[in-house]
Protein backbone atom coordinates (compact mmCIF):
# COMPACT_ATOMS: atom_id res chain seq x y z
CA UNK A 1 -64.39 26.09 -26.33
CA UNK A 2 -65.92 25.32 -22.94
CA UNK A 3 -69.63 26.12 -22.56
CA UNK A 4 -71.53 25.91 -19.28
CA UNK A 5 -75.10 26.66 -18.22
CA UNK A 6 -76.23 26.82 -14.62
CA UNK A 7 -79.70 27.46 -13.18
CA UNK A 8 -79.95 27.85 -9.41
CA UNK A 9 -83.12 27.82 -7.33
CA UNK A 10 -83.77 26.82 -3.70
CA UNK A 11 -86.93 24.81 -4.41
CA UNK A 12 -89.63 24.49 -7.03
CA UNK A 13 -91.72 27.24 -5.44
CA UNK A 14 -88.82 29.73 -5.22
CA UNK A 15 -89.70 33.34 -6.03
CA UNK A 16 -86.24 33.95 -7.56
CA UNK A 17 -84.32 32.05 -10.24
CA UNK A 18 -80.66 32.70 -11.10
CA UNK A 19 -79.15 31.50 -14.36
CA UNK A 20 -75.59 31.76 -15.65
CA UNK A 21 -74.06 31.04 -19.05
CA UNK A 22 -70.31 30.92 -19.61
CA UNK A 23 -68.10 30.51 -22.67
CA UNK A 24 -64.35 30.02 -22.45
CA UNK A 25 -61.89 30.01 -25.33
CA UNK A 26 -58.22 29.81 -24.40
CA UNK A 27 -57.44 32.52 -21.85
CA UNK A 28 -60.65 34.50 -22.51
CA UNK A 29 -63.95 33.82 -20.80
CA UNK A 30 -67.36 35.47 -21.17
CA UNK A 31 -70.06 35.02 -18.50
CA UNK A 32 -73.65 36.25 -18.40
CA UNK A 33 -75.76 36.06 -15.23
CA UNK A 34 -79.48 36.77 -15.01
CA UNK A 35 -81.64 36.95 -11.87
CA UNK A 36 -85.41 36.78 -12.22
CA UNK A 37 -87.77 37.59 -9.37
CA UNK A 38 -90.99 35.80 -10.28
CA UNK A 39 -93.07 37.96 -7.90
CA UNK A 40 -92.36 41.22 -9.78
CA UNK A 41 -91.12 41.93 -13.30
CA UNK A 42 -87.58 43.24 -12.78
CA UNK A 43 -84.36 42.94 -14.78
CA UNK A 44 -81.02 41.96 -13.22
CA UNK A 45 -78.46 41.02 -15.89
CA UNK A 46 -74.65 40.90 -15.54
CA UNK A 47 -72.18 40.46 -18.40
CA UNK A 48 -68.49 39.82 -17.59
CA UNK A 49 -65.53 39.46 -19.96
CA UNK A 50 -62.23 38.30 -18.49
CA UNK A 51 -58.84 37.09 -19.63
CA UNK A 52 -56.07 35.39 -17.65
CA UNK A 53 -52.64 34.67 -19.08
CA UNK A 54 -49.65 33.55 -17.04
CA UNK A 55 -49.35 36.09 -14.22
CA UNK A 56 -51.81 38.68 -15.59
CA UNK A 57 -55.58 38.93 -15.20
CA UNK A 58 -58.06 41.45 -16.66
CA UNK A 59 -61.83 41.68 -16.27
CA UNK A 60 -64.62 44.09 -17.23
CA UNK A 61 -68.28 43.79 -16.26
CA UNK A 62 -71.58 45.57 -16.74
CA UNK A 63 -74.75 45.12 -14.70
CA UNK A 64 -78.24 46.20 -15.68
CA UNK A 65 -80.73 46.23 -12.82
CA UNK A 66 -84.06 47.81 -13.65
CA UNK A 67 -83.09 51.23 -15.05
CA UNK A 68 -79.61 51.37 -13.47
CA UNK A 69 -76.44 50.44 -15.33
CA UNK A 70 -73.25 49.87 -13.33
CA UNK A 71 -69.82 48.72 -14.36
CA UNK A 72 -66.52 47.47 -13.04
CA UNK A 73 -63.03 46.65 -14.22
CA UNK A 74 -60.15 44.89 -12.54
CA UNK A 75 -56.56 43.97 -13.22
CA UNK A 76 -54.18 41.74 -11.32
CA UNK A 77 -50.57 40.61 -11.42
CA UNK A 78 -49.20 37.59 -9.59
CA UNK A 79 -45.77 38.67 -8.28
CA UNK A 80 -44.96 35.29 -6.76
CA UNK A 81 -46.79 32.08 -5.92
CA UNK A 82 -47.99 33.57 -2.63
CA UNK A 83 -48.27 37.29 -3.56
CA UNK A 84 -50.77 39.03 -5.83
CA UNK A 85 -51.29 42.74 -6.66
CA UNK A 86 -54.60 44.02 -7.96
CA UNK A 87 -56.73 47.07 -8.67
CA UNK A 88 -60.55 47.26 -8.94
CA UNK A 89 -62.60 50.11 -10.40
CA UNK A 90 -66.37 50.30 -9.77
CA UNK A 91 -69.10 52.70 -10.84
CA UNK A 92 -72.56 52.45 -9.34
CA UNK A 93 -75.60 54.54 -8.49
CA UNK A 94 -76.38 55.27 -4.85
CA UNK A 95 -80.13 55.22 -4.09
CA UNK A 96 -79.42 56.71 -0.66
CA UNK A 97 -77.84 59.74 -2.39
CA UNK A 98 -80.58 60.45 -4.93
CA UNK A 99 -79.13 57.97 -7.46
CA UNK A 100 -75.91 59.95 -7.83
CA UNK A 101 -73.04 58.03 -9.39
CA UNK A 102 -70.23 56.82 -7.16
CA UNK A 103 -66.80 55.85 -8.45
CA UNK A 104 -64.63 53.58 -6.31
CA UNK A 105 -61.04 52.41 -6.72
CA UNK A 106 -59.52 49.71 -4.55
CA UNK A 107 -55.93 48.54 -4.48
CA UNK A 108 -55.23 45.04 -3.23
CA UNK A 109 -52.14 43.28 -1.98
CA UNK A 110 -52.99 39.67 -1.23
CA UNK A 111 -50.55 37.08 -0.02
CA UNK A 112 -49.63 34.29 2.27
CA UNK A 113 -46.82 35.05 4.63
CA UNK A 114 -44.98 32.66 6.95
């Protein structure tokens, strides 16, 4: 089991502090990220669970920011050393659209070609 803790801040008087905790066991990893704005009491917490085995990768995440909950999922397959296929699904609220939910899907083909 690998355990890591990271706290990031620009300086000692920074108004925002970001912390991250990660646990990894074999091919599965679990990460939690929290952002704290010291000038106003807000919540910004992300939880991500991912697994990578050989050529396959899977990941799901949830984010809580104030009263909004968003989520995402992704999957990938490494076809060759220089070619990777992937799909990402995202659900989020759009403040510019009266907080209506928006669902996005993105297909990815990533590679290095001569």
